[in-house]
N, C-alpha and C. Protein backbone atom coordinates (compact mmCIF):
# COMPACT_ATOMS: atom_id res chain seq x y z
N MET A 1 -13.63 -8.80 30.16
CA MET A 1 -13.02 -8.37 28.91
C MET A 1 -13.26 -6.87 28.68
N LEU A 2 -12.26 -6.05 28.38
CA LEU A 2 -12.44 -4.69 28.20
C LEU A 2 -13.18 -4.42 26.88
N SER A 3 -14.04 -3.34 26.83
CA SER A 3 -14.70 -2.99 25.63
C SER A 3 -13.75 -2.29 24.72
N LEU A 4 -14.12 -2.22 23.45
CA LEU A 4 -13.21 -1.52 22.50
C LEU A 4 -13.00 -0.10 22.87
N ARG A 5 -14.05 0.60 23.32
CA ARG A 5 -13.98 1.96 23.76
C ARG A 5 -13.01 2.17 24.86
N LYS A 6 -13.14 1.30 25.90
CA LYS A 6 -12.28 1.49 27.05
C LYS A 6 -10.78 1.16 26.72
N THR A 7 -10.60 0.10 25.87
CA THR A 7 -9.25 -0.24 25.50
C THR A 7 -8.62 0.91 24.63
N SER A 8 -9.41 1.54 23.76
CA SER A 8 -8.78 2.58 22.93
C SER A 8 -8.39 3.76 23.66
N GLU A 9 -8.89 4.00 24.88
CA GLU A 9 -8.63 5.17 25.63
C GLU A 9 -7.41 5.06 26.51
N VAL A 10 -6.86 3.85 26.62
CA VAL A 10 -5.71 3.63 27.55
C VAL A 10 -4.49 3.30 26.75
N ARG A 11 -3.59 4.30 26.56
CA ARG A 11 -2.33 4.04 25.82
C ARG A 11 -1.38 3.32 26.64
N PRO A 12 -0.66 2.31 26.08
CA PRO A 12 0.33 1.54 26.84
C PRO A 12 1.46 2.57 27.23
N GLU A 13 2.03 2.42 28.37
CA GLU A 13 3.01 3.38 28.86
C GLU A 13 4.21 3.40 27.98
N PRO A 14 4.57 4.51 27.42
CA PRO A 14 5.73 4.51 26.48
C PRO A 14 7.02 4.31 27.26
N VAL A 15 8.07 3.84 26.51
CA VAL A 15 9.40 3.75 27.04
C VAL A 15 9.90 5.18 27.34
N ALA A 16 10.59 5.32 28.38
CA ALA A 16 11.09 6.61 28.80
C ALA A 16 11.92 7.22 27.69
N GLY A 17 11.58 8.51 27.31
CA GLY A 17 12.22 9.22 26.32
C GLY A 17 11.45 9.30 24.96
N PHE A 18 10.41 8.47 24.93
CA PHE A 18 9.58 8.41 23.63
C PHE A 18 8.17 8.98 23.89
N GLU A 19 7.96 9.69 24.97
CA GLU A 19 6.65 10.24 25.28
C GLU A 19 6.20 11.24 24.21
N GLY A 20 7.09 11.91 23.56
CA GLY A 20 6.84 12.92 22.64
C GLY A 20 6.48 12.47 21.23
N ILE A 21 6.61 11.19 20.93
CA ILE A 21 6.28 10.71 19.68
C ILE A 21 4.73 10.54 19.52
N ALA A 22 4.15 11.03 18.42
CA ALA A 22 2.76 10.98 18.24
C ALA A 22 2.17 9.58 18.21
N CYS A 23 1.28 9.34 19.06
CA CYS A 23 0.65 7.93 19.21
C CYS A 23 -0.79 8.07 19.39
N ASN A 24 -1.58 7.39 18.51
CA ASN A 24 -3.04 7.45 18.56
C ASN A 24 -3.65 6.08 18.41
N TRP A 25 -4.86 5.97 18.89
CA TRP A 25 -5.60 4.74 18.67
C TRP A 25 -6.01 4.56 17.27
N ASP A 26 -5.59 3.45 16.63
CA ASP A 26 -5.93 3.21 15.21
C ASP A 26 -7.06 2.20 15.17
N GLN A 27 -8.24 2.59 14.82
CA GLN A 27 -9.41 1.80 14.85
C GLN A 27 -9.21 0.58 13.82
N ALA A 28 -8.60 0.85 12.70
CA ALA A 28 -8.44 -0.21 11.67
C ALA A 28 -7.56 -1.32 12.22
N LEU A 29 -6.46 -0.91 12.89
CA LEU A 29 -5.51 -1.85 13.43
C LEU A 29 -6.01 -2.57 14.71
N GLY A 30 -6.88 -1.80 15.39
CA GLY A 30 -7.35 -2.35 16.65
C GLY A 30 -6.30 -2.26 17.78
N GLN A 31 -5.46 -1.27 17.66
CA GLN A 31 -4.41 -1.00 18.69
C GLN A 31 -3.80 0.37 18.49
N TRP A 32 -3.00 0.79 19.50
CA TRP A 32 -2.37 2.09 19.45
C TRP A 32 -1.22 1.99 18.43
N ALA A 33 -0.98 3.12 17.80
CA ALA A 33 0.00 3.17 16.75
C ALA A 33 0.85 4.51 16.78
N ALA A 34 2.15 4.35 16.95
CA ALA A 34 3.05 5.56 16.98
C ALA A 34 3.41 5.86 15.48
N LYS A 35 3.32 7.23 15.13
CA LYS A 35 3.55 7.66 13.85
C LYS A 35 4.89 8.38 13.77
N LEU A 36 5.80 7.87 12.94
CA LEU A 36 7.10 8.49 12.81
C LEU A 36 7.31 9.43 11.62
N LEU A 37 7.96 10.51 11.89
CA LEU A 37 8.38 11.44 10.89
C LEU A 37 9.90 11.27 10.59
N PRO A 38 10.42 11.82 9.50
CA PRO A 38 11.90 11.74 9.29
C PRO A 38 12.69 12.27 10.47
N GLY A 39 13.77 11.57 10.82
CA GLY A 39 14.57 12.00 11.95
C GLY A 39 14.11 11.50 13.26
N GLU A 40 12.99 10.66 13.31
CA GLU A 40 12.52 10.11 14.53
C GLU A 40 12.73 8.59 14.57
N PHE A 41 12.78 8.03 15.74
CA PHE A 41 12.75 6.64 15.96
C PHE A 41 11.93 6.34 17.25
N TYR A 42 11.45 5.09 17.31
CA TYR A 42 10.57 4.80 18.38
C TYR A 42 10.84 3.35 18.85
N ILE A 43 10.85 3.10 20.15
CA ILE A 43 11.08 1.83 20.69
C ILE A 43 9.92 1.50 21.67
N THR A 44 9.48 0.27 21.65
CA THR A 44 8.36 -0.12 22.52
C THR A 44 8.53 -1.49 23.12
N ARG A 45 7.96 -1.71 24.28
CA ARG A 45 7.88 -3.03 24.90
C ARG A 45 6.39 -3.52 24.94
N SER A 46 5.55 -2.71 24.41
CA SER A 46 4.09 -2.93 24.44
C SER A 46 3.59 -3.55 23.18
N ARG A 47 2.42 -3.94 23.15
CA ARG A 47 1.76 -4.48 21.96
C ARG A 47 1.07 -3.28 21.23
N GLU A 48 1.88 -2.58 20.46
CA GLU A 48 1.42 -1.46 19.73
C GLU A 48 2.14 -1.42 18.39
N ALA A 49 1.60 -0.67 17.42
CA ALA A 49 2.22 -0.63 16.11
C ALA A 49 3.03 0.64 15.93
N ILE A 50 3.89 0.61 14.95
CA ILE A 50 4.64 1.78 14.62
C ILE A 50 4.52 2.00 13.01
N THR A 51 4.11 3.24 12.68
CA THR A 51 3.79 3.43 11.24
C THR A 51 4.64 4.59 10.74
N THR A 52 4.81 4.64 9.42
CA THR A 52 5.45 5.77 8.73
C THR A 52 5.17 5.63 7.21
N VAL A 53 5.52 6.75 6.53
CA VAL A 53 5.38 6.76 5.06
C VAL A 53 6.66 7.09 4.52
N LEU A 54 7.18 6.33 3.51
CA LEU A 54 8.51 6.43 3.03
C LEU A 54 8.43 6.73 1.49
N GLY A 55 9.32 7.67 1.14
CA GLY A 55 9.59 7.85 -0.31
C GLY A 55 10.98 7.32 -0.58
N SER A 56 11.95 8.19 -0.61
CA SER A 56 13.38 7.79 -0.79
C SER A 56 14.01 7.43 0.55
N CYS A 57 13.32 7.83 1.65
CA CYS A 57 13.83 7.54 3.04
C CYS A 57 13.81 5.98 3.26
N ILE A 58 14.56 5.66 4.33
CA ILE A 58 14.59 4.23 4.73
C ILE A 58 14.13 4.07 6.19
N SER A 59 13.46 3.02 6.44
CA SER A 59 13.09 2.65 7.84
C SER A 59 13.63 1.27 8.12
N ALA A 60 14.31 1.08 9.21
CA ALA A 60 14.71 -0.19 9.71
C ALA A 60 13.77 -0.57 10.85
N CYS A 61 13.23 -1.79 10.69
CA CYS A 61 12.37 -2.35 11.78
C CYS A 61 13.21 -3.42 12.49
N ILE A 62 13.45 -3.26 13.79
CA ILE A 62 14.38 -4.16 14.49
C ILE A 62 13.76 -4.56 15.78
N ARG A 63 13.93 -5.86 16.12
CA ARG A 63 13.42 -6.32 17.41
C ARG A 63 14.22 -7.44 17.95
N ASP A 64 14.19 -7.70 19.22
CA ASP A 64 14.71 -8.91 19.85
C ASP A 64 13.49 -9.65 20.44
N PRO A 65 13.07 -10.72 19.76
CA PRO A 65 11.89 -11.48 20.20
C PRO A 65 12.01 -11.94 21.69
N ALA A 66 13.23 -12.34 22.05
CA ALA A 66 13.39 -12.95 23.41
C ALA A 66 13.21 -11.89 24.45
N ALA A 67 13.74 -10.66 24.17
CA ALA A 67 13.61 -9.62 25.18
C ALA A 67 12.31 -8.80 25.02
N ALA A 68 11.51 -9.22 24.07
CA ALA A 68 10.20 -8.55 23.78
C ALA A 68 10.30 -6.97 23.68
N VAL A 69 11.30 -6.53 22.88
CA VAL A 69 11.41 -5.16 22.63
C VAL A 69 11.77 -4.91 21.16
N GLY A 70 11.22 -3.87 20.59
CA GLY A 70 11.44 -3.61 19.20
C GLY A 70 11.19 -2.12 18.84
N GLY A 71 11.70 -1.69 17.64
CA GLY A 71 11.45 -0.40 17.28
C GLY A 71 11.73 -0.11 15.79
N MET A 72 11.49 1.13 15.39
CA MET A 72 11.68 1.52 13.99
C MET A 72 12.29 2.86 13.94
N ASN A 73 13.12 3.18 12.93
CA ASN A 73 13.60 4.52 12.59
C ASN A 73 13.19 5.00 11.30
N HIS A 74 13.47 6.23 10.92
CA HIS A 74 13.16 6.83 9.65
C HIS A 74 14.24 7.84 9.36
N PHE A 75 15.08 7.54 8.36
CA PHE A 75 16.18 8.46 8.00
C PHE A 75 16.10 8.86 6.53
N MET A 76 16.69 10.09 6.26
CA MET A 76 16.56 10.70 5.01
C MET A 76 17.79 10.54 4.15
N LEU A 77 18.97 10.55 4.79
CA LEU A 77 20.29 10.54 4.05
C LEU A 77 21.16 9.54 4.71
N PRO A 78 22.17 9.06 3.94
CA PRO A 78 23.07 8.04 4.63
C PRO A 78 23.86 8.57 5.74
N GLU A 79 24.68 9.59 5.49
CA GLU A 79 25.60 10.09 6.46
C GLU A 79 25.76 11.59 6.45
N ASP A 80 26.23 12.12 7.52
CA ASP A 80 26.56 13.60 7.61
C ASP A 80 27.90 13.77 7.07
N THR A 81 27.98 14.38 5.85
CA THR A 81 29.28 14.54 5.16
C THR A 81 29.79 16.10 5.23
N THR A 82 29.19 16.85 6.16
CA THR A 82 29.58 18.16 6.27
C THR A 82 31.01 18.25 6.77
N GLN A 83 31.71 19.34 6.43
CA GLN A 83 33.04 19.56 6.93
C GLN A 83 32.99 20.15 8.26
N GLY A 84 33.66 19.59 9.23
CA GLY A 84 33.58 20.08 10.62
C GLY A 84 32.33 19.57 11.34
N ARG A 85 31.92 20.24 12.36
CA ARG A 85 30.77 19.85 13.15
C ARG A 85 29.43 20.31 12.58
N SER A 86 28.57 19.44 12.33
CA SER A 86 27.32 19.80 11.76
C SER A 86 26.39 20.34 12.82
N ARG A 87 25.57 21.36 12.48
CA ARG A 87 24.56 21.89 13.39
C ARG A 87 23.65 20.89 13.89
N TRP A 88 23.46 19.80 13.07
CA TRP A 88 22.52 18.71 13.49
C TRP A 88 23.07 17.93 14.60
N LEU A 89 24.31 17.84 14.85
CA LEU A 89 24.86 17.03 15.93
C LEU A 89 24.40 17.44 17.30
N ASP A 90 23.94 18.65 17.39
CA ASP A 90 23.43 19.15 18.62
C ASP A 90 21.95 18.93 18.86
N ASP A 91 21.34 18.39 17.91
CA ASP A 91 19.86 18.15 17.90
C ASP A 91 19.61 16.70 17.58
N ALA A 92 19.13 15.90 18.50
CA ALA A 92 18.98 14.46 18.28
C ALA A 92 18.08 14.17 17.11
N SER A 93 16.90 14.84 17.04
CA SER A 93 15.96 14.56 16.02
C SER A 93 16.52 14.94 14.63
N MET A 94 17.35 16.01 14.53
CA MET A 94 17.99 16.32 13.35
C MET A 94 19.05 15.35 12.88
N SER A 95 19.92 15.01 13.84
CA SER A 95 21.02 14.10 13.52
C SER A 95 20.51 12.74 13.17
N ASN A 96 19.34 12.36 13.65
CA ASN A 96 18.88 11.04 13.31
C ASN A 96 18.17 10.96 11.93
N ARG A 97 18.21 12.12 11.21
CA ARG A 97 17.78 12.08 9.83
C ARG A 97 18.92 11.39 8.94
N TYR A 98 20.06 11.26 9.50
CA TYR A 98 21.18 10.58 8.80
C TYR A 98 21.11 9.09 9.30
N GLY A 99 21.38 8.19 8.28
CA GLY A 99 21.32 6.83 8.54
C GLY A 99 22.29 6.33 9.62
N SER A 100 23.53 6.86 9.60
CA SER A 100 24.55 6.45 10.58
C SER A 100 24.14 6.73 11.97
N PHE A 101 23.47 7.88 12.25
CA PHE A 101 22.93 8.13 13.56
C PHE A 101 21.73 7.37 13.88
N ALA A 102 20.85 7.29 12.91
CA ALA A 102 19.51 6.62 13.08
C ALA A 102 19.73 5.20 13.47
N MET A 103 20.61 4.48 12.69
CA MET A 103 20.87 3.02 13.07
C MET A 103 21.45 2.90 14.43
N GLU A 104 22.42 3.68 14.74
CA GLU A 104 23.03 3.53 16.11
C GLU A 104 22.10 3.87 17.21
N SER A 105 21.31 4.88 17.02
CA SER A 105 20.34 5.32 18.02
C SER A 105 19.35 4.20 18.32
N LEU A 106 18.71 3.63 17.26
CA LEU A 106 17.73 2.61 17.44
C LEU A 106 18.33 1.34 18.14
N ILE A 107 19.43 0.86 17.59
CA ILE A 107 20.07 -0.35 18.17
C ILE A 107 20.57 -0.10 19.60
N ASN A 108 21.20 1.01 19.91
CA ASN A 108 21.73 1.31 21.25
C ASN A 108 20.48 1.31 22.22
N GLY A 109 19.40 1.91 21.70
CA GLY A 109 18.21 1.97 22.57
C GLY A 109 17.66 0.63 22.89
N LEU A 110 17.67 -0.23 21.91
CA LEU A 110 17.17 -1.62 22.17
C LEU A 110 18.14 -2.41 23.17
N LEU A 111 19.39 -2.16 22.96
CA LEU A 111 20.33 -2.93 23.85
C LEU A 111 20.21 -2.39 25.29
N LYS A 112 19.85 -1.16 25.49
CA LYS A 112 19.73 -0.62 26.83
C LYS A 112 18.47 -1.30 27.53
N LEU A 113 17.58 -1.73 26.72
CA LEU A 113 16.34 -2.33 27.31
C LEU A 113 16.43 -3.92 27.39
N GLY A 114 17.66 -4.44 27.20
CA GLY A 114 17.85 -5.86 27.31
C GLY A 114 17.99 -6.66 26.10
N ALA A 115 17.84 -6.00 24.93
CA ALA A 115 18.10 -6.76 23.69
C ALA A 115 19.60 -7.18 23.57
N ARG A 116 19.81 -8.19 22.76
CA ARG A 116 21.15 -8.67 22.50
C ARG A 116 21.41 -8.68 21.00
N ARG A 117 22.65 -8.27 20.66
CA ARG A 117 22.96 -8.04 19.25
C ARG A 117 22.68 -9.29 18.45
N GLU A 118 23.11 -10.46 18.95
CA GLU A 118 23.02 -11.74 18.16
C GLU A 118 21.56 -12.14 17.94
N ARG A 119 20.60 -11.56 18.69
CA ARG A 119 19.23 -11.93 18.60
C ARG A 119 18.39 -10.96 17.73
N LEU A 120 18.99 -9.88 17.30
CA LEU A 120 18.24 -8.83 16.64
C LEU A 120 17.76 -9.23 15.31
N GLU A 121 16.51 -9.00 14.97
CA GLU A 121 15.86 -9.33 13.74
C GLU A 121 15.63 -8.06 12.97
N VAL A 122 16.22 -7.89 11.80
CA VAL A 122 16.16 -6.65 11.00
C VAL A 122 15.35 -6.77 9.78
N LYS A 123 14.50 -5.80 9.52
CA LYS A 123 13.71 -5.76 8.29
C LYS A 123 13.80 -4.29 7.80
N LEU A 124 13.97 -4.16 6.45
CA LEU A 124 14.27 -2.83 5.79
C LEU A 124 13.25 -2.49 4.81
N PHE A 125 12.89 -1.16 4.71
CA PHE A 125 11.84 -0.73 3.81
C PHE A 125 12.18 0.65 3.28
N GLY A 126 11.68 1.02 2.11
CA GLY A 126 11.83 2.36 1.56
C GLY A 126 12.84 2.37 0.46
N GLY A 127 13.46 3.56 0.27
CA GLY A 127 14.47 3.73 -0.75
C GLY A 127 13.93 3.89 -2.15
N GLY A 128 12.70 4.33 -2.29
CA GLY A 128 12.08 4.44 -3.59
C GLY A 128 12.72 5.60 -4.43
N HIS A 129 12.74 5.46 -5.69
CA HIS A 129 13.19 6.52 -6.64
C HIS A 129 12.05 7.42 -6.93
N VAL A 130 11.84 8.42 -6.01
CA VAL A 130 10.62 9.26 -6.11
C VAL A 130 10.99 10.73 -6.36
N LEU A 131 12.28 11.06 -6.21
CA LEU A 131 12.74 12.50 -6.36
C LEU A 131 13.30 12.67 -7.68
N ASP A 132 12.93 13.78 -8.37
CA ASP A 132 13.46 14.12 -9.64
C ASP A 132 14.66 15.02 -9.51
N VAL A 133 15.77 14.35 -8.99
CA VAL A 133 17.05 15.05 -8.76
C VAL A 133 18.15 14.24 -9.41
N ASP A 134 19.31 14.89 -9.52
CA ASP A 134 20.42 14.24 -10.29
C ASP A 134 20.90 13.01 -9.62
N MET A 135 20.96 12.97 -8.27
CA MET A 135 21.41 11.80 -7.61
C MET A 135 20.15 10.99 -7.19
N ASN A 136 20.30 9.65 -7.12
CA ASN A 136 19.17 8.79 -6.71
C ASN A 136 19.34 8.61 -5.19
N VAL A 137 18.68 9.33 -4.43
CA VAL A 137 18.76 9.34 -2.95
C VAL A 137 18.38 7.98 -2.44
N GLY A 138 17.30 7.46 -3.05
CA GLY A 138 16.88 6.13 -2.55
C GLY A 138 17.97 5.01 -2.73
N ASP A 139 18.65 5.03 -3.90
CA ASP A 139 19.70 4.03 -4.04
C ASP A 139 20.77 4.20 -3.08
N ARG A 140 21.14 5.46 -2.83
CA ARG A 140 22.28 5.75 -1.89
C ARG A 140 21.84 5.27 -0.48
N ASN A 141 20.55 5.47 -0.11
CA ASN A 141 20.21 5.05 1.19
C ASN A 141 20.28 3.48 1.31
N ILE A 142 19.78 2.83 0.25
CA ILE A 142 19.81 1.36 0.25
C ILE A 142 21.28 0.79 0.32
N GLU A 143 22.08 1.38 -0.48
CA GLU A 143 23.50 0.95 -0.43
C GLU A 143 24.14 1.19 0.94
N PHE A 144 23.81 2.34 1.54
CA PHE A 144 24.33 2.63 2.89
C PHE A 144 23.82 1.63 3.89
N VAL A 145 22.54 1.41 3.95
CA VAL A 145 21.95 0.51 5.11
C VAL A 145 22.45 -0.85 4.91
N ARG A 146 22.48 -1.35 3.71
CA ARG A 146 23.04 -2.72 3.55
C ARG A 146 24.43 -2.84 3.95
N HIS A 147 25.28 -1.87 3.58
CA HIS A 147 26.65 -1.90 3.91
C HIS A 147 26.88 -1.79 5.40
N TRP A 148 26.09 -0.92 6.01
CA TRP A 148 26.26 -0.69 7.47
C TRP A 148 25.97 -1.88 8.35
N LEU A 149 24.82 -2.54 7.95
CA LEU A 149 24.43 -3.73 8.68
C LEU A 149 25.42 -4.90 8.46
N SER A 150 25.96 -5.01 7.24
CA SER A 150 26.91 -6.07 6.90
C SER A 150 28.25 -5.84 7.75
N VAL A 151 28.70 -4.66 7.74
CA VAL A 151 29.90 -4.37 8.54
C VAL A 151 29.74 -4.61 9.98
N GLU A 152 28.53 -4.27 10.53
CA GLU A 152 28.24 -4.39 11.91
C GLU A 152 27.81 -5.86 12.27
N GLY A 153 27.62 -6.71 11.27
CA GLY A 153 27.36 -8.14 11.52
C GLY A 153 25.88 -8.44 11.82
N TYR A 154 24.91 -7.62 11.40
CA TYR A 154 23.49 -7.89 11.54
C TYR A 154 22.90 -8.60 10.33
N ARG A 155 21.98 -9.48 10.62
CA ARG A 155 21.32 -10.21 9.59
C ARG A 155 20.00 -9.64 9.17
N VAL A 156 19.75 -9.35 7.86
CA VAL A 156 18.50 -8.83 7.45
C VAL A 156 17.62 -10.03 7.01
N VAL A 157 16.40 -10.12 7.66
CA VAL A 157 15.57 -11.29 7.42
C VAL A 157 14.50 -10.95 6.40
N ALA A 158 14.27 -9.65 6.05
CA ALA A 158 13.21 -9.29 5.07
C ALA A 158 13.42 -7.87 4.70
N GLU A 159 13.08 -7.54 3.38
CA GLU A 159 13.19 -6.20 2.96
C GLU A 159 12.29 -5.94 1.76
N ASP A 160 11.90 -4.71 1.61
CA ASP A 160 11.14 -4.22 0.43
C ASP A 160 11.59 -2.81 0.25
N MET A 161 12.60 -2.72 -0.69
CA MET A 161 13.24 -1.46 -0.98
C MET A 161 13.41 -1.24 -2.49
N GLY A 162 13.61 0.07 -2.81
CA GLY A 162 13.77 0.40 -4.29
C GLY A 162 12.52 0.63 -4.98
N ASP A 163 12.59 0.48 -6.38
CA ASP A 163 11.48 0.71 -7.22
C ASP A 163 11.17 2.18 -7.27
N THR A 164 10.00 2.55 -7.76
CA THR A 164 9.62 4.00 -7.90
C THR A 164 8.46 4.45 -7.19
N MET A 165 8.02 3.65 -6.21
CA MET A 165 6.85 4.12 -5.41
C MET A 165 7.03 4.40 -3.97
N PRO A 166 6.35 5.36 -3.37
CA PRO A 166 6.35 5.52 -1.95
C PRO A 166 5.73 4.31 -1.29
N ARG A 167 5.87 4.23 0.02
CA ARG A 167 5.35 3.07 0.81
C ARG A 167 4.78 3.52 2.11
N ARG A 168 3.77 2.86 2.54
CA ARG A 168 3.25 3.05 3.95
C ARG A 168 3.60 1.77 4.66
N VAL A 169 4.23 1.92 5.70
CA VAL A 169 4.76 0.72 6.56
C VAL A 169 4.13 0.78 7.86
N VAL A 170 3.63 -0.39 8.27
CA VAL A 170 3.05 -0.58 9.58
C VAL A 170 3.84 -1.80 10.21
N TYR A 171 4.51 -1.47 11.31
CA TYR A 171 5.34 -2.54 11.96
C TYR A 171 4.76 -2.93 13.33
N PHE A 172 4.72 -4.24 13.59
CA PHE A 172 4.22 -4.75 14.86
C PHE A 172 5.32 -5.41 15.63
N PRO A 173 6.06 -4.68 16.45
CA PRO A 173 7.26 -5.27 17.09
C PRO A 173 6.96 -6.45 17.96
N ALA A 174 5.75 -6.61 18.55
CA ALA A 174 5.47 -7.69 19.40
C ALA A 174 5.52 -9.10 18.63
N THR A 175 5.21 -9.01 17.32
CA THR A 175 5.15 -10.20 16.55
C THR A 175 6.20 -10.25 15.42
N GLY A 176 6.67 -9.11 15.06
CA GLY A 176 7.63 -8.96 14.02
C GLY A 176 6.98 -8.79 12.61
N LYS A 177 5.66 -8.84 12.58
CA LYS A 177 5.03 -8.67 11.29
C LYS A 177 5.04 -7.25 10.84
N VAL A 178 5.01 -7.13 9.49
CA VAL A 178 5.08 -5.83 8.82
C VAL A 178 3.98 -5.79 7.70
N ARG A 179 3.27 -4.73 7.63
CA ARG A 179 2.31 -4.49 6.51
C ARG A 179 2.91 -3.37 5.74
N VAL A 180 3.01 -3.60 4.34
CA VAL A 180 3.55 -2.56 3.44
C VAL A 180 2.53 -2.35 2.41
N LYS A 181 2.14 -1.11 2.18
CA LYS A 181 1.31 -0.71 1.10
C LYS A 181 2.01 0.18 0.08
N HIS A 182 2.07 -0.19 -1.18
CA HIS A 182 2.76 0.56 -2.18
C HIS A 182 1.78 1.61 -2.62
N LEU A 183 2.26 2.88 -2.65
CA LEU A 183 1.41 3.99 -2.96
C LEU A 183 1.72 4.59 -4.36
N ARG A 184 0.75 5.12 -5.07
CA ARG A 184 0.98 5.66 -6.34
C ARG A 184 1.68 6.99 -6.11
N SER A 185 2.75 7.23 -6.88
CA SER A 185 3.53 8.45 -6.80
C SER A 185 2.74 9.69 -7.03
N ARG A 186 1.90 9.67 -8.04
CA ARG A 186 1.08 10.85 -8.41
C ARG A 186 0.10 11.24 -7.32
N GLU A 187 -0.29 10.24 -6.53
CA GLU A 187 -1.25 10.47 -5.43
C GLU A 187 -0.56 10.88 -4.16
N ASN A 188 0.80 10.96 -4.20
CA ASN A 188 1.54 11.28 -2.93
C ASN A 188 2.62 12.36 -3.21
N LEU A 189 2.15 13.38 -3.88
CA LEU A 189 2.97 14.56 -4.11
C LEU A 189 3.47 15.17 -2.84
N GLU A 190 2.67 15.06 -1.74
CA GLU A 190 3.09 15.65 -0.47
C GLU A 190 4.40 14.93 0.02
N ILE A 191 4.54 13.69 -0.20
CA ILE A 191 5.69 12.93 0.24
C ILE A 191 6.95 13.46 -0.51
N VAL A 192 6.77 13.64 -1.82
CA VAL A 192 7.90 14.14 -2.65
C VAL A 192 8.29 15.58 -2.22
N GLN A 193 7.30 16.35 -2.05
CA GLN A 193 7.59 17.78 -1.67
C GLN A 193 8.29 17.82 -0.28
N ARG A 194 7.82 17.03 0.62
CA ARG A 194 8.42 16.97 1.95
C ARG A 194 9.92 16.60 1.86
N GLU A 195 10.20 15.52 1.07
CA GLU A 195 11.56 15.09 0.98
C GLU A 195 12.45 16.09 0.28
N LYS A 196 11.93 16.82 -0.74
CA LYS A 196 12.73 17.80 -1.38
C LYS A 196 13.03 18.95 -0.39
N GLN A 197 12.07 19.29 0.48
CA GLN A 197 12.31 20.31 1.42
C GLN A 197 13.39 19.98 2.48
N TYR A 198 13.35 18.61 2.86
CA TYR A 198 14.44 18.15 3.77
C TYR A 198 15.77 18.21 3.11
N LEU A 199 15.76 17.80 1.81
CA LEU A 199 17.12 17.88 1.08
C LEU A 199 17.64 19.33 1.03
N ARG A 200 16.81 20.34 0.79
CA ARG A 200 17.24 21.66 0.77
C ARG A 200 17.64 22.11 2.12
N SER A 201 17.00 21.75 3.22
CA SER A 201 17.41 22.21 4.56
C SER A 201 18.71 21.51 4.94
N THR A 202 18.94 20.28 4.46
CA THR A 202 20.18 19.57 4.73
C THR A 202 21.35 20.27 4.11
N ALA A 203 21.11 20.77 2.89
CA ALA A 203 22.22 21.38 2.15
C ALA A 203 22.45 22.84 2.53
N LYS A 204 21.69 23.43 3.34
CA LYS A 204 21.82 24.79 3.79
C LYS A 204 22.98 24.96 4.76
N PRO A 205 24.08 25.70 4.32
CA PRO A 205 25.27 25.75 5.17
C PRO A 205 25.05 26.72 6.37
N VAL A 206 25.75 26.42 7.49
CA VAL A 206 25.80 27.33 8.62
C VAL A 206 26.93 28.31 8.41
N ALA A 207 28.09 27.82 8.05
CA ALA A 207 29.29 28.67 7.74
C ALA A 207 30.06 27.92 6.74
N GLY A 208 30.42 28.60 5.61
CA GLY A 208 31.26 27.98 4.63
C GLY A 208 30.38 27.13 3.70
N GLU A 209 31.00 26.36 2.95
CA GLU A 209 30.33 25.48 1.95
C GLU A 209 30.13 24.07 2.51
N ILE A 210 28.93 23.46 2.21
CA ILE A 210 28.66 22.10 2.64
C ILE A 210 28.39 21.26 1.33
N GLU A 211 29.14 20.19 1.20
CA GLU A 211 28.88 19.31 0.08
C GLU A 211 28.34 18.04 0.61
N LEU A 212 27.09 17.70 0.15
CA LEU A 212 26.41 16.49 0.73
C LEU A 212 26.82 15.21 0.06
N PHE A 213 27.09 15.23 -1.26
CA PHE A 213 27.27 13.97 -1.92
C PHE A 213 28.58 14.02 -2.75
């Protein structure tokens, strides 16, 4: 039997294309954990966790139990509504900050590894009302992801979305289990500031005017 020290030093081989996602040994979880930022998604065939912190953002946790493959995304806004071609379309991590890209990227990546649409198990998290702005970004994200999955014919088996608090999500694709910790808004000003910064960067035009909502 491997010792804890030896086990912690050997990271499971990542799926090709995901080597750049931050992944560290988590002593509390007793396994490796990939940490997602907005605009990222991660797919694994190994027994490892995927973690992220959500304010108004959404994460979809999706797996195919039979194919033993699963993953998570993290997106900031529903869709790219810029006029013409967005500068983000040329950058995978940027474009995946939009739900329409993030959902397609995650599901297509799972299908390439042997998953089948009819077996996919979907769980949704985030969409909290944490930003003091005119539009409720969290509600728009929730409305988008529910509609997108319904149109595409996917079944949601669990969700924890809405309300006014940020969330820390830990997903275990090998088992499908999810741990969610509700965080106090006042103790997570960093999350709010980060999301406000992303909103500002999204609204910054390259040429001409851009209307997001």
